[in-house]
Amino acid sequence: MMTGSVREDGSVSSGSADMSPEQRVPEWSGDHLADPGGAVLDGDAFGVDPTELTDEDLIREMHSLHRTRLDTLRHASDSALATHLRRTAELETEYLARHPGREVDPSRLRDD
């Protein structure tokens, strides 16, 4: 259970609802590859570089992350949530780079 977090400026928050998950997770703004003791973890600890994945593997990885999203957000440690957020951003960024002209479902569009 997240009872508070350390912000980038070092102040402690109460985890208020007006803050995004990124603001509540101390590792988000810092070096996400360094552990609290300062040792750098092996880069493979967080998964294969998205640029090295086939399209099929990239989609499979995104499905897995999205399937576990709510559980991770609600119940994982701050460190696990930071890793989840970072990995999701990496995979989705790679997907968008590969598919800039992705199909947009007209029923998902709003009238402006």
Protein backbone atom coordinates (compact mmCIF):
# COMPACT_ATOMS: atom_id res chain seq x y z
CA MET A 1 0.00 0.00 0.00
CA MET A 2 1.40 3.38 -0.98
CA THR A 3 1.16 5.72 2.00
CA GLY A 4 3.34 8.51 0.67
CA SER A 5 6.01 9.27 -1.86
CA VAL A 6 9.09 11.35 -2.26
CA ARG A 7 8.81 13.96 -4.99
CA GLU A 8 11.67 14.91 -7.29
CA ASP A 9 12.33 17.95 -5.06
CA GLY A 10 12.69 15.63 -2.04
CA SER A 11 9.42 16.58 -0.35
CA VAL A 12 7.05 13.86 0.84
CA SER A 13 3.51 13.74 -0.48
CA SER A 14 0.54 11.98 1.02
CA GLY A 15 -0.31 10.32 -2.30
CA SER A 16 -3.16 12.73 -2.95
CA ALA A 17 -5.58 12.07 -5.76
CA ASP A 18 -4.59 15.24 -7.64
CA MET A 19 -1.18 13.80 -8.50
CA SER A 20 -0.47 11.48 -11.42
CA PRO A 21 1.12 8.04 -10.78
CA GLU A 22 4.35 9.40 -12.24
CA GLN A 23 4.41 12.16 -9.61
CA ARG A 24 3.72 9.68 -6.79
CA VAL A 25 6.44 7.23 -7.84
CA PRO A 26 9.90 8.32 -6.66
CA GLU A 27 11.78 6.34 -9.30
CA TRP A 28 9.89 7.92 -12.19
CA SER A 29 11.99 11.08 -12.50
CA GLY A 30 15.24 9.57 -11.44
CA ASP A 31 17.57 6.94 -12.78
CA HIS A 32 15.20 3.98 -13.13
CA LEU A 33 18.11 1.60 -13.58
CA ALA A 34 19.74 2.38 -10.24
CA ASP A 35 18.71 0.63 -7.06
CA PRO A 36 18.55 2.46 -3.70
CA GLY A 37 22.10 1.37 -2.95
CA GLY A 38 23.35 3.06 -6.09
CA ALA A 39 24.31 -0.11 -7.99
CA VAL A 40 23.16 -0.15 -11.60
CA LEU A 41 21.05 -3.13 -12.53
CA ASP A 42 21.53 -5.11 -15.73
CA GLY A 43 19.50 -3.47 -18.50
CA ASP A 44 17.98 -6.86 -19.41
CA ALA A 45 16.26 -6.97 -16.02
CA PHE A 46 13.45 -4.90 -17.53
CA GLY A 47 12.97 -6.82 -20.76
CA VAL A 48 14.19 -6.95 -24.32
CA ASP A 49 14.79 -3.65 -26.10
CA PRO A 50 11.50 -2.95 -27.93
CA THR A 51 13.38 -2.20 -31.17
CA GLU A 52 14.58 -5.83 -31.18
CA LEU A 53 11.08 -7.32 -30.89
CA THR A 54 9.12 -8.60 -33.86
CA ASP A 55 5.73 -6.97 -34.41
CA GLU A 56 4.06 -10.09 -33.00
CA ASP A 57 6.24 -10.02 -29.86
CA LEU A 58 5.70 -6.27 -29.42
CA ILE A 59 1.92 -6.72 -29.50
CA ARG A 60 2.14 -9.69 -27.12
CA GLU A 61 4.22 -7.64 -24.64
CA MET A 62 1.75 -4.74 -24.80
CA HIS A 63 -1.17 -7.11 -24.22
CA SER A 64 0.59 -8.49 -21.16
CA LEU A 65 1.27 -5.05 -19.69
CA HIS A 66 -2.26 -3.81 -20.32
CA ARG A 67 -3.73 -7.00 -18.83
CA THR A 68 -1.82 -6.42 -15.58
CA ARG A 69 -2.17 -2.60 -15.53
CA LEU A 70 -4.89 -2.16 -12.90
CA ASP A 71 -3.44 -4.72 -10.53
CA THR A 72 0.00 -3.12 -10.82
CA LEU A 73 -1.40 0.38 -10.30
CA ARG A 74 -3.42 -0.63 -7.24
CA HIS A 75 -1.19 -3.15 -5.52
CA ALA A 76 2.43 -3.14 -6.71
CA SER A 77 5.33 -1.48 -4.95
CA ASP A 78 6.43 1.98 -6.08
CA SER A 79 9.43 0.41 -7.80
CA ALA A 80 7.30 -2.14 -9.66
CA LEU A 81 4.87 0.58 -10.75
CA ALA A 82 7.74 2.75 -12.00
CA THR A 83 9.09 -0.19 -14.01
CA HIS A 84 5.63 -0.93 -15.39
CA LEU A 85 5.11 2.70 -16.44
CA ARG A 86 8.53 2.88 -18.07
CA ARG A 87 8.13 -0.40 -19.93
CA THR A 88 4.65 0.53 -21.14
CA ALA A 89 5.96 3.86 -22.46
CA GLU A 90 8.87 2.13 -24.22
CA LEU A 91 6.67 -0.45 -25.93
CA GLU A 92 3.96 2.01 -26.94
CA THR A 93 6.52 4.49 -28.27
CA GLU A 94 8.06 1.72 -30.39
CA TYR A 95 4.62 0.67 -31.66
CA LEU A 96 3.80 4.25 -32.69
CA ALA A 97 7.19 4.62 -34.40
CA ARG A 98 6.50 1.47 -36.43
CA HIS A 99 2.89 2.34 -37.20
CA PRO A 100 2.60 6.13 -37.62
CA GLY A 101 -0.35 5.62 -39.97
CA ARG A 102 -2.14 3.20 -37.66
CA GLU A 103 -5.80 2.50 -38.36
CA VAL A 104 -8.14 4.79 -36.46
CA ASP A 105 -11.64 3.48 -35.83
CA PRO A 106 -14.07 6.22 -36.96
CA SER A 107 -16.42 5.31 -34.11
CA ARG A 108 -13.65 6.37 -31.68
CA LEU A 109 -13.54 9.92 -33.06
CA ARG A 110 -15.35 12.84 -31.45
CA ASP A 111 -17.03 15.70 -33.24
CA ASP A 112 -15.01 18.88 -32.71
